[in-house]
């Protein structure tokens, strides 16, 4: 079975997180366009990969992985030479897991709630991600002083958290605090991020032409 990664996504979706991660990993991958405008995600051949009909998804060595955080964590472990996660026996592994899960369960959820102006839960300190203000304060501490979430080592947590910060500020659902702006500037200067952005622009143009 080949080692190529098959990457199902749309250039204007949350799959951008995984696209960046793939460029950081540096392993061969094949991009399979899922055009959300033409409902490719609901076609039987894609539902066979991801029954949720959502992107992104990856297939690697016969294993299907969905959900951005899970894909990033999987890729970091599948390609240890890229040094995108602390080794399993490293003391830093716990902090790595903490921030990977914080990105999905707290940052993303809070940002989406703000973006759609959803009312806070009746007991914000006890349910879901807690309260928005606490999430923002905790996130600010996580990226300070940096340069990365785990200090000097760039990891998949930076891909995931960095993407959430960029999206949140772009959608005006996350306060553009100086700490967030400085952190985002650092991670977006990485060559892999630049390659991913260049490819995304080309893929978006192709999709628009095909729609």
Protein backbone atom coordinates (compact mmCIF):
# COMPACT_ATOMS: atom_id res chain seq x y z
CA UNK A 1 0.00 0.00 0.00
CA UNK A 2 1.45 3.36 -1.04
CA UNK A 3 2.46 6.07 1.38
CA UNK A 4 0.77 8.85 -0.59
CA UNK A 5 -1.79 10.92 1.29
CA UNK A 6 -5.09 11.56 -0.47
CA UNK A 7 -6.43 14.91 0.70
CA UNK A 8 -10.10 15.71 0.08
CA UNK A 9 -10.90 19.36 0.55
CA UNK A 10 -12.10 22.66 -0.80
CA UNK A 11 -9.73 25.64 -0.94
CA UNK A 12 -12.24 27.92 0.82
CA UNK A 13 -12.99 25.70 3.80
CA UNK A 14 -11.58 24.55 7.12
CA UNK A 15 -9.48 22.21 5.02
CA UNK A 16 -7.02 25.09 4.77
CA UNK A 17 -5.77 24.05 8.21
CA UNK A 18 -4.86 20.59 6.95
CA UNK A 19 -3.43 21.95 3.71
CA UNK A 20 -0.97 24.04 5.71
CA UNK A 21 -0.17 21.01 7.88
CA UNK A 22 0.55 18.88 4.82
CA UNK A 23 3.02 21.44 3.57
CA UNK A 24 4.73 21.42 6.96
CA UNK A 25 4.93 17.61 6.90
CA UNK A 26 6.51 17.60 3.45
CA UNK A 27 5.21 14.14 2.48
CA UNK A 28 3.66 13.45 -0.95
CA UNK A 29 -0.05 14.10 -1.13
CA UNK A 30 -2.74 14.29 -3.79
CA UNK A 31 -5.36 17.01 -3.58
CA UNK A 32 -8.86 15.85 -4.48
CA UNK A 33 -11.15 18.81 -5.03
CA UNK A 34 -14.51 18.70 -3.27
CA UNK A 35 -16.52 21.55 -4.74
CA UNK A 36 -18.96 22.63 -2.05
CA UNK A 37 -20.85 24.87 -4.47
CA UNK A 38 -21.79 21.90 -6.66
CA UNK A 39 -22.47 19.66 -3.62
CA UNK A 40 -19.61 17.25 -4.31
CA UNK A 41 -19.56 16.55 -0.56
CA UNK A 42 -22.98 14.90 -0.81
CA UNK A 43 -22.10 12.55 -3.66
CA UNK A 44 -22.02 8.82 -2.82
CA UNK A 45 -18.34 8.44 -3.65
CA UNK A 46 -17.39 11.12 -1.13
CA UNK A 47 -19.90 9.99 1.50
CA UNK A 48 -18.15 6.62 1.34
CA UNK A 49 -15.06 8.43 2.64
CA UNK A 50 -16.79 10.75 5.11
CA UNK A 51 -20.46 9.96 5.86
CA UNK A 52 -20.81 13.41 7.44
CA UNK A 53 -20.39 14.97 4.00
CA UNK A 54 -17.85 17.47 5.34
CA UNK A 55 -14.32 18.45 4.44
CA UNK A 56 -11.49 17.87 4.98
CA UNK A 57 -10.72 14.17 5.00
CA UNK A 58 -7.49 12.31 4.36
CA UNK A 59 -6.81 8.72 3.42
CA UNK A 60 -3.37 7.36 4.27
CA UNK A 61 -2.29 3.71 4.16
CA UNK A 62 -5.93 2.72 3.93
CA UNK A 63 -6.94 4.71 7.01
CA UNK A 64 -9.54 7.48 6.78
CA UNK A 65 -9.05 10.41 9.14
CA UNK A 66 -11.51 13.30 9.45
CA UNK A 67 -11.74 16.42 11.68
CA UNK A 68 -8.99 19.01 11.37
CA UNK A 69 -7.45 18.55 14.79
CA UNK A 70 -7.40 14.77 14.46
CA UNK A 71 -5.83 14.98 10.99
CA UNK A 72 -3.12 17.35 12.18
CA UNK A 73 -2.31 15.12 15.15
CA UNK A 74 -2.31 12.02 12.95
CA UNK A 75 0.03 13.54 10.40
CA UNK A 76 2.42 14.75 13.09
CA UNK A 77 2.73 11.21 14.47
CA UNK A 78 2.75 9.48 11.07
CA UNK A 79 5.71 11.58 9.92
CA UNK A 80 7.90 12.08 13.01
CA UNK A 81 10.86 13.30 10.93
CA UNK A 82 8.97 16.58 10.44
CA UNK A 83 9.22 17.18 14.22
CA UNK A 84 5.68 18.56 14.45
CA UNK A 85 4.87 16.92 17.79
CA UNK A 86 6.88 16.14 20.90
CA UNK A 87 7.83 12.44 21.17
CA UNK A 88 5.31 10.31 23.11
CA UNK A 89 7.65 10.04 26.09
CA UNK A 90 8.46 13.76 26.18
CA UNK A 91 7.25 15.87 29.14
CA UNK A 92 6.00 18.37 26.53
CA UNK A 93 3.52 15.84 25.16
CA UNK A 94 0.90 16.72 27.76
CA UNK A 95 1.00 20.43 26.93
CA UNK A 96 0.85 19.56 23.23
CA UNK A 97 -2.33 17.53 23.74
CA UNK A 98 -3.77 20.26 25.93
CA UNK A 99 -3.51 22.94 23.28
CA UNK A 100 -4.54 20.70 20.40
CA UNK A 101 -7.79 19.90 22.19
CA UNK A 102 -8.21 23.46 23.45
CA UNK A 103 -8.18 24.61 19.83
CA UNK A 104 -11.13 22.41 18.92
CA UNK A 105 -13.23 22.37 22.06
CA UNK A 106 -12.75 25.97 23.18
CA UNK A 107 -11.29 28.32 20.56
CA UNK A 108 -13.23 27.12 17.55
CA UNK A 109 -16.50 26.78 19.45
CA UNK A 110 -16.23 30.25 21.00
CA UNK A 111 -15.25 31.87 17.72
CA UNK A 112 -18.17 30.27 15.86
CA UNK A 113 -20.60 31.36 18.59
CA UNK A 114 -19.34 34.95 18.31
CA UNK A 115 -19.38 34.90 14.54
CA UNK A 116 -23.05 33.88 14.43
CA UNK A 117 -23.95 36.02 17.47
CA UNK A 118 -25.26 33.05 19.39
CA UNK A 119 -26.35 33.82 22.98
CA UNK A 120 -24.05 32.47 25.70
CA UNK A 121 -25.20 29.38 27.62
CA UNK A 122 -27.23 30.03 30.80
CA UNK A 123 -24.28 28.87 32.94
CA UNK A 124 -21.26 29.95 30.90
CA UNK A 125 -18.74 29.00 33.56
CA UNK A 126 -19.84 25.36 33.64
CA UNK A 127 -20.89 24.40 30.10
CA UNK A 128 -19.00 23.84 26.86
CA UNK A 129 -15.94 26.12 26.58
CA UNK A 130 -16.86 28.21 29.63
CA UNK A 131 -17.04 31.91 28.88
CA UNK A 132 -15.63 33.78 25.91
CA UNK A 133 -13.56 36.18 28.00
CA UNK A 134 -11.81 33.33 29.84
CA UNK A 135 -11.09 31.57 26.55
CA UNK A 136 -9.49 34.72 25.08
CA UNK A 137 -7.40 35.34 28.19
CA UNK A 138 -6.20 31.72 28.25
CA UNK A 139 -5.39 31.78 24.55
CA UNK A 140 -3.41 34.99 24.95
CA UNK A 141 -1.29 33.39 27.68
CA UNK A 142 -0.71 30.35 25.46
CA UNK A 143 0.93 32.39 22.69
CA UNK A 144 2.92 34.60 25.08
CA UNK A 145 5.89 34.96 25.12
CA UNK A 146 6.27 32.46 22.28
CA UNK A 147 7.61 32.21 19.76
CA UNK A 148 5.33 29.16 19.58
CA UNK A 149 2.73 27.41 21.73
CA UNK A 150 5.33 25.04 23.20
CA UNK A 151 8.08 27.63 23.33
CA UNK A 152 10.85 27.18 20.80
CA UNK A 153 9.39 24.14 18.98
CA UNK A 154 6.84 24.71 16.23
CA UNK A 155 4.25 21.92 16.29
CA UNK A 156 0.92 20.88 14.85
CA UNK A 157 -0.64 22.82 17.72
CA UNK A 158 0.64 26.01 16.10
CA UNK A 159 -0.92 25.04 12.78
CA UNK A 160 -4.23 24.37 14.48
CA UNK A 161 -4.27 27.27 16.96
CA UNK A 162 -2.69 29.67 14.47
CA UNK A 163 -5.39 28.88 11.92
CA UNK A 164 -8.11 29.44 14.52
CA UNK A 165 -6.62 32.79 15.53
CA UNK A 166 -6.31 33.93 11.92
CA UNK A 167 -9.86 32.92 11.09
CA UNK A 168 -11.27 34.42 14.28
CA UNK A 169 -9.66 37.80 13.72
CA UNK A 170 -10.56 37.83 10.03
CA UNK A 171 -14.23 37.23 10.93
CA UNK A 172 -14.06 39.80 13.77
CA UNK A 173 -14.99 37.06 16.22
CA UNK A 174 -11.69 37.24 18.11
CA UNK A 175 -10.21 40.39 19.55
CA UNK A 176 -7.12 41.47 17.54
CA UNK A 177 -4.92 41.69 20.60
CA UNK A 178 -1.24 42.51 19.99
CA UNK A 179 -0.21 39.06 21.27
CA UNK A 180 -2.45 37.38 18.66
CA UNK A 181 -1.25 39.62 15.85
CA UNK A 182 2.41 39.07 16.68
CA UNK A 183 1.98 35.31 17.00
CA UNK A 184 0.04 35.06 13.75
CA UNK A 185 2.69 37.09 11.94
CA UNK A 186 5.39 34.67 13.12
CA UNK A 187 3.65 31.48 12.06
CA UNK A 188 2.50 32.89 8.73
CA UNK A 189 6.08 33.71 7.78
CA UNK A 190 6.94 30.02 7.59
CA UNK A 191 7.76 28.76 4.07
CA UNK A 192 5.14 26.00 4.34
CA UNK A 193 2.43 28.56 5.05
CA UNK A 194 3.48 30.62 2.05
CA UNK A 195 3.40 27.54 -0.20
CA UNK A 196 -0.02 26.57 1.08
CA UNK A 197 -1.39 30.07 0.43
CA UNK A 198 -0.02 30.15 -3.11
CA UNK A 199 -1.57 26.76 -3.87
CA UNK A 200 -4.87 27.78 -2.30
CA UNK A 201 -5.15 30.79 -4.60
CA UNK A 202 -4.59 28.60 -7.66
CA UNK A 203 -7.05 25.95 -6.48
CA UNK A 204 -9.70 28.57 -5.71
CA UNK A 205 -9.34 29.97 -9.23
CA UNK A 206 -9.67 26.48 -10.71
CA UNK A 207 -12.77 25.76 -8.67
CA UNK A 208 -14.38 29.05 -9.62
CA UNK A 209 -13.74 28.35 -13.30
CA UNK A 210 -15.23 24.87 -13.02
CA UNK A 211 -18.37 25.94 -11.12
